Amino acid sequence: MKKINLNKYNENLGTFIDINNEASNVVNNFIHIPYEKILVKHSELLDKNKKYYIYCSGGIRSKRVVSILEIYGYDVTYVYK
């Protein structure tokens, strides 16, 4: 699992996705896709040719999402505080 500290992320790296139930606005230009929605509709919402940085405030859900999306072939990175 690839991981990066929130302070090291910048929008040139790829798309930042906040999976909290309510958007946390921790970075500019982010996408908010709640945890359950990204797991169920990833094939409709994500492109396997793009890089995604997955964040949640607690870290547990984002780790789980990154692990699952990696299995499906997405280029995803876990973002931690």
C-alpha atoms as a PDB file:
ATOM      1  CA  MET A   1       0.000   0.000   0.000  1.00  0.00           C
ATOM      2  CA  LYS A   2       1.358   3.382  -1.012  1.00  0.00           C
ATOM      3  CA  LYS A   3       0.940   6.126   1.587  1.00  0.00           C
ATOM      4  CA  ILE A   4       1.669   9.826   1.940  1.00  0.00           C
ATOM      5  CA  ASN A   5       1.360  12.354   4.745  1.00  0.00           C
ATOM      6  CA  LEU A   6      -1.408  14.903   4.241  1.00  0.00           C
ATOM      7  CA  ASN A   7       1.169  17.723   4.470  1.00  0.00           C
ATOM      8  CA  LYS A   8       3.109  16.279   1.503  1.00  0.00           C
ATOM      9  CA  TYR A   9       0.111  16.028  -0.833  1.00  0.00           C
ATOM     10  CA  ASN A  10      -0.314  18.581  -3.613  1.00  0.00           C
ATOM     11  CA  GLU A  11      -2.888  18.575  -6.391  1.00  0.00           C
ATOM     12  CA  ASN A  12      -0.245  17.936  -9.076  1.00  0.00           C
ATOM     13  CA  LEU A  13       0.145  14.394  -7.721  1.00  0.00           C
ATOM     14  CA  GLY A  14      -3.401  13.300  -8.546  1.00  0.00           C
ATOM     15  CA  THR A  15      -7.015  13.544  -7.439  1.00  0.00           C
ATOM     16  CA  PHE A  16      -7.675  13.850  -3.701  1.00  0.00           C
ATOM     17  CA  ILE A  17     -10.804  11.987  -2.598  1.00  0.00           C
ATOM     18  CA  ASP A  18     -12.313  12.622   0.833  1.00  0.00           C
ATOM     19  CA  ILE A  19     -14.380   9.569   1.840  1.00  0.00           C
ATOM     20  CA  ASN A  20     -15.718  10.954   5.137  1.00  0.00           C
ATOM     21  CA  ASN A  21     -19.504  11.019   5.436  1.00  0.00           C
ATOM     22  CA  GLU A  22     -19.291  14.823   5.536  1.00  0.00           C
ATOM     23  CA  ALA A  23     -16.617  16.575   3.486  1.00  0.00           C
ATOM     24  CA  SER A  24     -13.738  17.738   5.669  1.00  0.00           C
ATOM     25  CA  ASN A  25     -12.182  20.328   3.300  1.00  0.00           C
ATOM     26  CA  VAL A  26      -8.610  19.518   4.371  1.00  0.00           C
ATOM     27  CA  VAL A  27      -7.196  20.404   0.919  1.00  0.00           C
ATOM     28  CA  ASN A  28      -8.255  22.566  -2.003  1.00  0.00           C
ATOM     29  CA  ASN A  29      -9.772  21.031  -5.133  1.00  0.00           C
ATOM     30  CA  PHE A  30     -10.850  17.733  -3.629  1.00  0.00           C
ATOM     31  CA  ILE A  31     -13.648  15.338  -4.543  1.00  0.00           C
ATOM     32  CA  HIS A  32     -16.027  14.110  -1.874  1.00  0.00           C
ATOM     33  CA  ILE A  33     -17.224  10.523  -2.343  1.00  0.00           C
ATOM     34  CA  PRO A  34     -18.542   8.904   0.844  1.00  0.00           C
ATOM     35  CA  TYR A  35     -17.051   5.560   1.880  1.00  0.00           C
ATOM     36  CA  GLU A  36     -20.017   3.354   0.945  1.00  0.00           C
ATOM     37  CA  LYS A  37     -20.535   5.049  -2.411  1.00  0.00           C
ATOM     38  CA  ILE A  38     -16.925   4.677  -3.562  1.00  0.00           C
ATOM     39  CA  LEU A  39     -16.943   0.966  -2.696  1.00  0.00           C
ATOM     40  CA  VAL A  40     -20.190   0.277  -4.557  1.00  0.00           C
ATOM     41  CA  LYS A  41     -19.797   2.608  -7.557  1.00  0.00           C
ATOM     42  CA  HIS A  42     -16.022   2.760  -8.077  1.00  0.00           C
ATOM     43  CA  SER A  43     -16.298   1.538 -11.683  1.00  0.00           C
ATOM     44  CA  GLU A  44     -18.653   4.435 -12.502  1.00  0.00           C
ATOM     45  CA  LEU A  45     -16.762   7.111 -10.534  1.00  0.00           C
ATOM     46  CA  LEU A  46     -13.069   6.338 -11.046  1.00  0.00           C
ATOM     47  CA  ASP A  47     -10.730   5.941 -14.012  1.00  0.00           C
ATOM     48  CA  LYS A  48      -8.028   3.266 -13.813  1.00  0.00           C
ATOM     49  CA  ASN A  49      -5.696   5.552 -15.793  1.00  0.00           C
ATOM     50  CA  LYS A  50      -5.658   8.249 -13.093  1.00  0.00           C
ATOM     51  CA  LYS A  51      -3.998   8.524  -9.678  1.00  0.00           C
ATOM     52  CA  TYR A  52      -6.128   8.909  -6.576  1.00  0.00           C
ATOM     53  CA  TYR A  53      -5.268   9.920  -3.024  1.00  0.00           C
ATOM     54  CA  ILE A  54      -7.773   8.579  -0.510  1.00  0.00           C
ATOM     55  CA  TYR A  55      -8.377  10.338   2.807  1.00  0.00           C
ATOM     56  CA  CYS A  56     -10.630   9.992   5.843  1.00  0.00           C
ATOM     57  CA  SER A  57     -10.223  11.685   9.204  1.00  0.00           C
ATOM     58  CA  GLY A  58      -9.673   8.462  11.172  1.00  0.00           C
ATOM     59  CA  GLY A  59      -7.597   6.558   8.631  1.00  0.00           C
ATOM     60  CA  ILE A  60      -9.281   3.183   9.028  1.00  0.00           C
ATOM     61  CA  ARG A  61     -11.811   3.547   6.215  1.00  0.00           C
ATOM     62  CA  SER A  62      -9.306   5.064   3.820  1.00  0.00           C
ATOM     63  CA  LYS A  63      -6.883   2.168   4.374  1.00  0.00           C
ATOM     64  CA  ARG A  64      -9.696  -0.270   3.668  1.00  0.00           C
ATOM     65  CA  VAL A  65     -10.771   1.574   0.499  1.00  0.00           C
ATOM     66  CA  VAL A  66      -7.182   1.755  -0.780  1.00  0.00           C
ATOM     67  CA  SER A  67      -6.703  -1.977  -0.196  1.00  0.00           C
ATOM     68  CA  ILE A  68      -9.897  -2.834  -2.064  1.00  0.00           C
ATOM     69  CA  LEU A  69      -9.326  -0.434  -4.954  1.00  0.00           C
ATOM     70  CA  GLU A  70      -5.783  -1.771  -5.417  1.00  0.00           C
ATOM     71  CA  ILE A  71      -7.262  -5.233  -5.951  1.00  0.00           C
ATOM     72  CA  TYR A  72      -9.488  -3.772  -8.693  1.00  0.00           C
ATOM     73  CA  GLY A  73      -6.444  -2.244 -10.408  1.00  0.00           C
ATOM     74  CA  TYR A  74      -6.665   1.429  -9.424  1.00  0.00           C
ATOM     75  CA  ASP A  75      -3.599   3.581  -8.715  1.00  0.00           C
ATOM     76  CA  VAL A  76      -4.479   4.687  -5.185  1.00  0.00           C
ATOM     77  CA  THR A  77      -2.498   6.087  -2.270  1.00  0.00           C
ATOM     78  CA  TYR A  78      -3.523   6.213   1.383  1.00  0.00           C
ATOM     79  CA  VAL A  79      -3.329   9.751   2.835  1.00  0.00           C
ATOM     80  CA  TYR A  80      -2.702  10.013   6.582  1.00  0.00           C
ATOM     81  CA  LYS A  81      -2.387  12.912   9.040  1.00  0.00           C
END
